[in-house]
Amino acid sequence: MYTTNEDGVLNNYAIEPKVYFATYPSMEQQQRYIVQAAIAAGLVVLSLLTAFSVS
């Protein structure tokens, strides 16, 4: 989408996507999120323990 003024200068506008509401995650997705969070927390703790043991 664009407009042109009297000097011939173009003004371009982005095309906006259609807005929609997100759906609530299912129980299976929520359980996967919990597992991912546990793995991420474990990696952070492991990194911290490694850093403290090396220093």
N, C-alpha and C. Protein backbone atom coordinates (compact mmCIF):
# COMPACT_ATOMS: atom_id res chain seq x y z
N MET A 1 0.85 -1.16 0.00
CA MET A 1 0.00 0.00 0.00
C MET A 1 0.91 1.23 0.00
N TYR A 2 0.58 2.21 -0.80
CA TYR A 2 1.39 3.42 -0.87
C TYR A 2 0.53 4.60 -1.30
N THR A 3 1.07 5.79 -1.02
CA THR A 3 0.44 7.03 -1.48
C THR A 3 1.49 7.85 -2.21
N THR A 4 1.04 8.73 -3.07
CA THR A 4 1.94 9.62 -3.81
C THR A 4 1.49 11.05 -3.58
N ASN A 5 2.43 11.94 -3.20
CA ASN A 5 2.05 13.35 -3.02
C ASN A 5 2.17 14.09 -4.35
N GLU A 6 1.95 15.42 -4.34
CA GLU A 6 1.94 16.20 -5.59
C GLU A 6 3.31 16.29 -6.25
N ASP A 7 4.41 16.04 -5.48
CA ASP A 7 5.76 16.06 -6.06
C ASP A 7 6.19 14.70 -6.60
N GLY A 8 5.34 13.70 -6.46
CA GLY A 8 5.67 12.38 -6.96
C GLY A 8 6.42 11.52 -5.96
N VAL A 9 6.49 11.97 -4.69
CA VAL A 9 7.20 11.21 -3.66
C VAL A 9 6.27 10.12 -3.13
N LEU A 10 6.80 8.89 -3.07
CA LEU A 10 6.00 7.76 -2.59
C LEU A 10 6.15 7.61 -1.08
N ASN A 11 5.06 7.30 -0.41
CA ASN A 11 5.05 6.92 1.00
C ASN A 11 4.55 5.49 1.08
N ASN A 12 5.43 4.57 1.48
CA ASN A 12 5.07 3.16 1.59
C ASN A 12 4.59 2.85 2.99
N TYR A 13 3.57 2.01 3.11
CA TYR A 13 3.02 1.58 4.38
C TYR A 13 3.04 0.06 4.43
N ALA A 14 3.37 -0.45 5.61
CA ALA A 14 3.36 -1.91 5.78
C ALA A 14 1.93 -2.43 5.80
N ILE A 15 1.74 -3.62 5.29
CA ILE A 15 0.44 -4.28 5.35
C ILE A 15 0.35 -4.97 6.70
N GLU A 16 -0.65 -4.60 7.49
CA GLU A 16 -0.77 -5.15 8.83
C GLU A 16 -1.46 -6.51 8.79
N PRO A 17 -0.93 -7.48 9.55
CA PRO A 17 -1.57 -8.80 9.58
C PRO A 17 -2.87 -8.77 10.37
N LYS A 18 -3.71 -9.75 10.11
CA LYS A 18 -4.97 -9.86 10.82
C LYS A 18 -4.68 -10.24 12.29
N VAL A 19 -5.35 -9.58 13.22
CA VAL A 19 -5.14 -9.81 14.65
C VAL A 19 -6.07 -10.94 15.10
N TYR A 20 -5.52 -11.85 15.93
CA TYR A 20 -6.34 -12.94 16.46
C TYR A 20 -5.88 -13.26 17.88
N PHE A 21 -6.74 -13.86 18.67
CA PHE A 21 -6.43 -14.25 20.03
C PHE A 21 -5.71 -15.59 20.03
N ALA A 22 -4.73 -15.72 20.92
CA ALA A 22 -4.01 -16.98 21.06
C ALA A 22 -4.89 -17.98 21.81
N THR A 23 -4.69 -19.25 21.52
CA THR A 23 -5.43 -20.29 22.23
C THR A 23 -4.64 -20.73 23.45
N TYR A 24 -5.34 -21.12 24.50
CA TYR A 24 -4.70 -21.56 25.73
C TYR A 24 -4.01 -22.90 25.47
N PRO A 25 -2.78 -23.11 26.00
CA PRO A 25 -2.08 -24.37 25.74
C PRO A 25 -2.80 -25.57 26.36
N SER A 26 -2.75 -26.68 25.66
CA SER A 26 -3.38 -27.90 26.15
C SER A 26 -2.56 -28.46 27.31
N MET A 27 -3.09 -29.48 27.99
CA MET A 27 -2.38 -30.09 29.11
C MET A 27 -1.06 -30.70 28.66
N GLU A 28 -1.04 -31.29 27.47
CA GLU A 28 0.20 -31.88 26.94
C GLU A 28 1.26 -30.80 26.72
N GLN A 29 0.85 -29.66 26.18
CA GLN A 29 1.79 -28.56 25.96
C GLN A 29 2.28 -28.01 27.29
N GLN A 30 1.40 -27.90 28.27
CA GLN A 30 1.79 -27.40 29.58
C GLN A 30 2.81 -28.33 30.23
N GLN A 31 2.63 -29.62 30.08
CA GLN A 31 3.57 -30.58 30.64
C GLN A 31 4.93 -30.47 29.95
N ARG A 32 4.92 -30.25 28.63
CA ARG A 32 6.18 -30.05 27.91
C ARG A 32 6.90 -28.79 28.39
N TYR A 33 6.13 -27.73 28.68
CA TYR A 33 6.72 -26.50 29.19
C TYR A 33 7.38 -26.74 30.54
N ILE A 34 6.75 -27.55 31.39
CA ILE A 34 7.32 -27.86 32.70
C ILE A 34 8.63 -28.63 32.55
N VAL A 35 8.66 -29.59 31.64
CA VAL A 35 9.88 -30.37 31.39
C VAL A 35 10.99 -29.46 30.85
N GLN A 36 10.65 -28.58 29.92
CA GLN A 36 11.64 -27.65 29.38
C GLN A 36 12.18 -26.72 30.45
N ALA A 37 11.31 -26.26 31.34
CA ALA A 37 11.74 -25.38 32.42
C ALA A 37 12.67 -26.11 33.37
N ALA A 38 12.38 -27.37 33.67
CA ALA A 38 13.23 -28.16 34.56
C ALA A 38 14.60 -28.39 33.93
N ILE A 39 14.64 -28.67 32.65
CA ILE A 39 15.92 -28.86 31.96
C ILE A 39 16.71 -27.57 31.95
N ALA A 40 16.06 -26.46 31.67
CA ALA A 40 16.74 -25.16 31.65
C ALA A 40 17.28 -24.82 33.04
N ALA A 41 16.49 -25.05 34.09
CA ALA A 41 16.95 -24.78 35.45
C ALA A 41 18.14 -25.67 35.80
N GLY A 42 18.09 -26.92 35.38
CA GLY A 42 19.22 -27.83 35.61
C GLY A 42 20.49 -27.37 34.93
N LEU A 43 20.37 -26.87 33.71
CA LEU A 43 21.54 -26.37 33.00
C LEU A 43 22.13 -25.13 33.68
N VAL A 44 21.26 -24.26 34.18
CA VAL A 44 21.74 -23.07 34.88
C VAL A 44 22.46 -23.47 36.15
N VAL A 45 21.88 -24.39 36.93
CA VAL A 45 22.51 -24.84 38.17
C VAL A 45 23.84 -25.53 37.86
N LEU A 46 23.88 -26.36 36.84
CA LEU A 46 25.11 -27.04 36.45
C LEU A 46 26.18 -26.04 36.03
N SER A 47 25.79 -25.02 35.30
CA SER A 47 26.75 -23.98 34.89
C SER A 47 27.29 -23.24 36.10
N LEU A 48 26.42 -22.89 37.04
CA LEU A 48 26.87 -22.19 38.24
C LEU A 48 27.79 -23.06 39.08
N LEU A 49 27.45 -24.33 39.25
CA LEU A 49 28.31 -25.23 40.03
C LEU A 49 29.66 -25.40 39.36
N THR A 50 29.67 -25.48 38.04
CA THR A 50 30.94 -25.59 37.32
C THR A 50 31.77 -24.33 37.52
N ALA A 51 31.16 -23.18 37.43
CA ALA A 51 31.88 -21.92 37.60
C ALA A 51 32.45 -21.80 39.01
N PHE A 52 31.67 -22.17 40.02
CA PHE A 52 32.16 -22.09 41.40
C PHE A 52 33.26 -23.10 41.67
N SER A 53 33.16 -24.29 41.09
CA SER A 53 34.18 -25.30 41.35
C SER A 53 35.50 -24.97 40.64
N VAL A 54 35.45 -24.30 39.52
CA VAL A 54 36.67 -23.96 38.78
C VAL A 54 37.35 -22.77 39.43
N SER A 55 36.61 -21.84 39.96
CA SER A 55 37.21 -20.63 40.53
C SER A 55 37.74 -20.84 41.94
